[in-house]
Structure formats: C-alpha cells, structure tokens
C-alpha cells in the first residue's frame, strides 16, 4: 500500500470516529437543552469523509433519523464517497 493510501485510510478512520461521537454529543445536548451543534457541521463532517460515522451515530444515538436531509443526505453522501473511492482506486 502506498503511503498516500495509508494516510487516507488513517484520516478516514479518525474522521469516522470523531463524527460518530459528535453526533452523540449533539444528541446529549438536545436532551439537556444545551447549545447545539449546527446541522451544517454535522453534515459537513459526513461530507468530509465521516459518512459512516454519521450513519452509525444516527443509528446508535437515535439522532436525526427523522430529518429528511439526514435520513437521505447521509446515505447519498456515502454513495458519492464510495463512487469516488472506486474511481480513484481504479485510476491508480
């Protein structure tokens, strides 16, 4: 595996874990009437490579599962990321 691919995998692992816990933190804040994490940040983390963490966070924490932009947006982001990964891997 090239060094670049290795670094990308490390990045994706980190952003996935961070995104998962940010969704959990936002759920906790919602339950305790605290200042919330903006939806743009939550979706931005998913778009930045954390779509798996976002989806897992939605399922585990039962958070944002009824909001259409999350219910359909996070899987759409994931699909685009998979398509880009397949294209990039096949090109290299």
N, C-alpha and C. Protein backbone atom coordinates (compact mmCIF):
# COMPACT_ATOMS: atom_id res chain seq x y z
N UNK A 1 0.85 -1.18 0.00
CA UNK A 1 0.00 0.00 0.00
C UNK A 1 0.90 1.24 0.00
N UNK A 2 0.56 2.19 -0.84
CA UNK A 2 1.37 3.40 -0.89
C UNK A 2 1.15 4.25 0.36
N UNK A 3 2.09 5.14 0.59
CA UNK A 3 2.00 6.00 1.77
C UNK A 3 0.75 6.88 1.70
N UNK A 4 0.42 7.36 0.51
CA UNK A 4 -0.77 8.22 0.36
C UNK A 4 -2.04 7.47 0.73
N UNK A 5 -2.19 6.25 0.26
CA UNK A 5 -3.37 5.45 0.59
C UNK A 5 -3.42 5.17 2.09
N UNK A 6 -2.26 4.92 2.68
CA UNK A 6 -2.20 4.66 4.11
C UNK A 6 -2.67 5.89 4.90
N UNK A 7 -2.20 7.07 4.50
CA UNK A 7 -2.61 8.31 5.16
C UNK A 7 -4.10 8.58 5.00
N UNK A 8 -4.63 8.29 3.81
CA UNK A 8 -6.07 8.48 3.58
C UNK A 8 -6.88 7.55 4.47
N UNK A 9 -6.45 6.31 4.60
CA UNK A 9 -7.17 5.37 5.48
C UNK A 9 -7.12 5.81 6.94
N UNK A 10 -5.99 6.34 7.38
CA UNK A 10 -5.89 6.85 8.75
C UNK A 10 -6.84 8.03 8.94
N UNK A 11 -6.83 8.95 7.97
CA UNK A 11 -7.74 10.10 8.03
C UNK A 11 -9.20 9.65 8.11
N UNK A 12 -9.58 8.71 7.24
CA UNK A 12 -10.98 8.24 7.23
C UNK A 12 -11.36 7.57 8.54
N UNK A 13 -10.43 6.82 9.13
CA UNK A 13 -10.72 6.20 10.42
C UNK A 13 -10.94 7.26 11.50
N UNK A 14 -10.08 8.27 11.51
CA UNK A 14 -10.19 9.32 12.53
C UNK A 14 -11.48 10.13 12.34
N UNK A 15 -11.77 10.56 11.12
CA UNK A 15 -12.97 11.38 10.88
C UNK A 15 -14.24 10.58 11.15
N UNK A 16 -14.20 9.28 10.91
CA UNK A 16 -15.36 8.43 11.20
C UNK A 16 -15.63 8.39 12.70
N UNK A 17 -14.60 8.17 13.49
CA UNK A 17 -14.76 8.10 14.95
C UNK A 17 -15.19 9.46 15.51
N UNK A 18 -14.54 10.52 15.05
CA UNK A 18 -14.90 11.86 15.51
C UNK A 18 -16.36 12.18 15.19
N UNK A 19 -16.78 11.90 13.96
CA UNK A 19 -18.15 12.18 13.55
C UNK A 19 -19.15 11.40 14.39
N UNK A 20 -18.86 10.13 14.63
CA UNK A 20 -19.74 9.30 15.45
C UNK A 20 -19.96 9.95 16.82
N UNK A 21 -18.88 10.37 17.46
CA UNK A 21 -19.01 10.95 18.79
C UNK A 21 -19.62 12.36 18.77
N UNK A 22 -19.40 13.12 17.72
CA UNK A 22 -20.03 14.44 17.62
C UNK A 22 -21.54 14.29 17.53
N UNK A 23 -22.01 13.29 16.79
CA UNK A 23 -23.46 13.04 16.73
C UNK A 23 -23.98 12.66 18.12
N UNK A 24 -23.23 11.88 18.86
CA UNK A 24 -23.63 11.52 20.22
C UNK A 24 -23.65 12.71 21.15
N UNK A 25 -22.66 13.58 21.01
CA UNK A 25 -22.61 14.79 21.84
C UNK A 25 -23.80 15.69 21.53
N UNK A 26 -24.13 15.84 20.25
CA UNK A 26 -25.28 16.67 19.89
C UNK A 26 -26.58 16.08 20.42
N UNK A 27 -26.70 14.77 20.42
CA UNK A 27 -27.89 14.13 20.99
C UNK A 27 -27.98 14.43 22.49
N UNK A 28 -26.86 14.32 23.18
CA UNK A 28 -26.83 14.61 24.62
C UNK A 28 -27.23 16.07 24.86
N UNK A 29 -26.69 16.97 24.05
CA UNK A 29 -27.02 18.39 24.20
C UNK A 29 -28.51 18.63 23.95
N UNK A 30 -29.08 17.92 22.99
CA UNK A 30 -30.51 18.07 22.70
C UNK A 30 -31.35 17.62 23.90
N UNK A 31 -30.94 16.56 24.54
CA UNK A 31 -31.69 16.03 25.68
C UNK A 31 -31.55 16.91 26.92
N UNK A 32 -30.48 17.70 26.99
CA UNK A 32 -30.23 18.52 28.17
C UNK A 32 -30.38 20.02 27.90
N UNK A 33 -31.08 20.35 26.82
CA UNK A 33 -31.36 21.76 26.47
C UNK A 33 -30.11 22.62 26.47
N UNK A 34 -29.06 22.11 25.87
CA UNK A 34 -27.81 22.85 25.76
C UNK A 34 -27.65 23.40 24.35
N UNK A 35 -26.64 24.25 24.18
CA UNK A 35 -26.32 24.80 22.87
C UNK A 35 -25.99 23.64 21.94
N UNK A 36 -26.60 23.64 20.75
CA UNK A 36 -26.50 22.52 19.82
C UNK A 36 -25.41 22.73 18.78
N UNK A 37 -24.95 21.64 18.24
CA UNK A 37 -24.00 21.67 17.14
C UNK A 37 -24.82 21.93 15.87
N UNK A 38 -24.44 22.92 15.06
CA UNK A 38 -25.22 23.24 13.85
C UNK A 38 -25.32 22.04 12.91
N UNK A 39 -26.47 21.92 12.26
CA UNK A 39 -26.67 20.83 11.30
C UNK A 39 -25.64 20.89 10.18
N UNK A 40 -25.22 22.10 9.81
CA UNK A 40 -24.21 22.23 8.76
C UNK A 40 -22.89 21.59 9.17
N UNK A 41 -22.56 21.64 10.45
CA UNK A 41 -21.34 20.99 10.94
C UNK A 41 -21.51 19.47 10.90
N UNK A 42 -22.66 18.98 11.33
CA UNK A 42 -22.91 17.54 11.32
C UNK A 42 -22.84 16.99 9.89
N UNK A 43 -23.48 17.67 8.95
CA UNK A 43 -23.45 17.23 7.57
C UNK A 43 -22.07 17.44 6.95
N UNK A 44 -21.38 18.50 7.37
CA UNK A 44 -20.03 18.76 6.88
C UNK A 44 -19.05 17.67 7.28
N UNK A 45 -19.20 17.17 8.50
CA UNK A 45 -18.36 16.06 8.94
C UNK A 45 -18.61 14.82 8.10
N UNK A 46 -19.88 14.57 7.78
CA UNK A 46 -20.21 13.43 6.91
C UNK A 46 -19.60 13.62 5.54
N UNK A 47 -19.74 14.83 4.98
CA UNK A 47 -19.20 15.11 3.64
C UNK A 47 -17.68 15.09 3.63
N UNK A 48 -17.07 15.39 4.76
CA UNK A 48 -15.62 15.41 4.86
C UNK A 48 -14.99 14.04 5.03
N UNK A 49 -15.78 13.00 4.88
CA UNK A 49 -15.26 11.64 4.97
C UNK A 49 -15.83 10.83 6.12
N UNK A 50 -16.67 11.45 6.93
CA UNK A 50 -17.22 10.76 8.09
C UNK A 50 -18.63 10.23 7.91
N UNK A 51 -19.00 9.91 6.69
CA UNK A 51 -20.38 9.47 6.44
C UNK A 51 -20.72 8.17 7.17
N UNK A 52 -19.77 7.28 7.29
CA UNK A 52 -20.03 6.03 8.03
C UNK A 52 -20.25 6.34 9.51
N UNK A 53 -19.43 7.22 10.06
CA UNK A 53 -19.60 7.62 11.46
C UNK A 53 -20.91 8.35 11.68
N UNK A 54 -21.33 9.17 10.70
CA UNK A 54 -22.61 9.88 10.80
C UNK A 54 -23.76 8.89 10.82
N UNK A 55 -23.72 7.94 9.89
CA UNK A 55 -24.81 6.95 9.82
C UNK A 55 -24.85 6.11 11.09
N UNK A 56 -23.68 5.66 11.55
CA UNK A 56 -23.65 4.87 12.79
C UNK A 56 -24.13 5.70 13.97
N UNK A 57 -23.73 6.97 14.02
CA UNK A 57 -24.18 7.86 15.09
C UNK A 57 -25.68 8.05 15.07
N UNK A 58 -26.24 8.17 13.88
CA UNK A 58 -27.69 8.30 13.76
C UNK A 58 -28.40 7.06 14.30
N UNK A 59 -27.85 5.89 14.02
CA UNK A 59 -28.48 4.64 14.45
C UNK A 59 -28.27 4.38 15.94
N UNK A 60 -27.05 4.50 16.39
CA UNK A 60 -26.73 4.20 17.80
C UNK A 60 -27.37 5.20 18.75
N UNK A 61 -27.22 6.49 18.44
CA UNK A 61 -27.75 7.53 19.32
C UNK A 61 -29.21 7.86 19.02
N UNK A 62 -29.77 7.28 17.96
CA UNK A 62 -31.14 7.59 17.52
C UNK A 62 -31.28 9.10 17.37
N UNK A 63 -30.40 9.66 16.56
CA UNK A 63 -30.32 11.11 16.42
C UNK A 63 -30.44 11.50 14.95
N UNK A 64 -31.32 12.43 14.67
CA UNK A 64 -31.55 12.98 13.34
C UNK A 64 -32.09 11.95 12.35
N UNK A 65 -32.65 10.89 12.83
CA UNK A 65 -33.12 9.82 11.93
C UNK A 65 -34.40 10.19 11.19
N UNK A 66 -35.15 11.17 11.67
CA UNK A 66 -36.38 11.57 11.01
C UNK A 66 -36.24 12.83 10.16
N UNK A 67 -35.08 13.48 10.24
CA UNK A 67 -34.84 14.68 9.44
C UNK A 67 -34.45 14.24 8.03
N UNK A 68 -35.23 14.69 7.04
CA UNK A 68 -35.01 14.22 5.67
C UNK A 68 -33.60 14.51 5.16
N UNK A 69 -33.05 15.66 5.51
CA UNK A 69 -31.71 15.97 5.00
C UNK A 69 -30.66 15.03 5.57
N UNK A 70 -30.93 14.43 6.71
CA UNK A 70 -30.01 13.44 7.28
C UNK A 70 -30.38 12.03 6.83
N UNK A 71 -31.68 11.75 6.88
CA UNK A 71 -32.18 10.41 6.52
C UNK A 71 -31.77 10.03 5.10
N UNK A 72 -31.84 11.00 4.19
CA UNK A 72 -31.47 10.74 2.79
C UNK A 72 -30.10 11.31 2.43
N UNK A 73 -29.73 12.39 3.10
CA UNK A 73 -28.47 13.06 2.77
C UNK A 73 -27.24 12.26 3.14
N UNK A 74 -27.22 11.68 4.33
CA UNK A 74 -26.03 10.93 4.76
C UNK A 74 -25.81 9.70 3.87
N UNK A 75 -26.84 8.89 3.56
CA UNK A 75 -26.60 7.79 2.63
C UNK A 75 -26.18 8.27 1.24
N UNK A 76 -26.71 9.40 0.78
CA UNK A 76 -26.32 9.94 -0.53
C UNK A 76 -24.85 10.36 -0.51
N UNK A 77 -24.43 11.01 0.56
CA UNK A 77 -23.02 11.39 0.71
C UNK A 77 -22.14 10.14 0.69
N UNK A 78 -22.56 9.11 1.41
CA UNK A 78 -21.81 7.85 1.44
C UNK A 78 -21.69 7.25 0.03
N UNK A 79 -22.78 7.25 -0.71
CA UNK A 79 -22.78 6.68 -2.07
C UNK A 79 -21.80 7.44 -2.97
N UNK A 80 -21.80 8.76 -2.87
CA UNK A 80 -20.87 9.56 -3.67
C UNK A 80 -19.43 9.25 -3.25
N UNK A 81 -19.18 9.12 -1.95
CA UNK A 81 -17.83 8.83 -1.47
C UNK A 81 -17.36 7.45 -1.94
N UNK A 82 -18.25 6.47 -1.94
CA UNK A 82 -17.88 5.14 -2.43
C UNK A 82 -17.57 5.21 -3.92
N UNK A 83 -18.41 5.92 -4.68
CA UNK A 83 -18.17 6.05 -6.13
C UNK A 83 -16.83 6.72 -6.40
N UNK A 84 -16.52 7.77 -5.65
CA UNK A 84 -15.23 8.44 -5.81
C UNK A 84 -14.07 7.52 -5.45
N UNK A 85 -14.22 6.74 -4.38
CA UNK A 85 -13.16 5.81 -3.96
C UNK A 85 -12.92 4.74 -5.01
N UNK A 86 -13.99 4.21 -5.57
CA UNK A 86 -13.86 3.18 -6.62
C UNK A 86 -13.17 3.77 -7.84
N UNK A 87 -13.58 4.98 -8.23
CA UNK A 87 -12.96 5.63 -9.38
C UNK A 87 -11.48 5.88 -9.11
N UNK A 88 -11.16 6.42 -7.92
CA UNK A 88 -9.77 6.75 -7.59
C UNK A 88 -8.90 5.51 -7.53
N UNK A 89 -9.41 4.45 -6.91
CA UNK A 89 -8.63 3.21 -6.82
C UNK A 89 -8.43 2.56 -8.17
N UNK A 90 -9.44 2.65 -9.04
CA UNK A 90 -9.28 2.04 -10.37
C UNK A 90 -8.37 2.86 -11.26
N UNK A 91 -8.28 4.17 -11.01
CA UNK A 91 -7.41 5.03 -11.79
C UNK A 91 -5.95 4.88 -11.38
N UNK A 92 -5.74 4.45 -10.16
CA UNK A 92 -4.35 4.30 -9.66
C UNK A 92 -3.97 2.88 -9.74
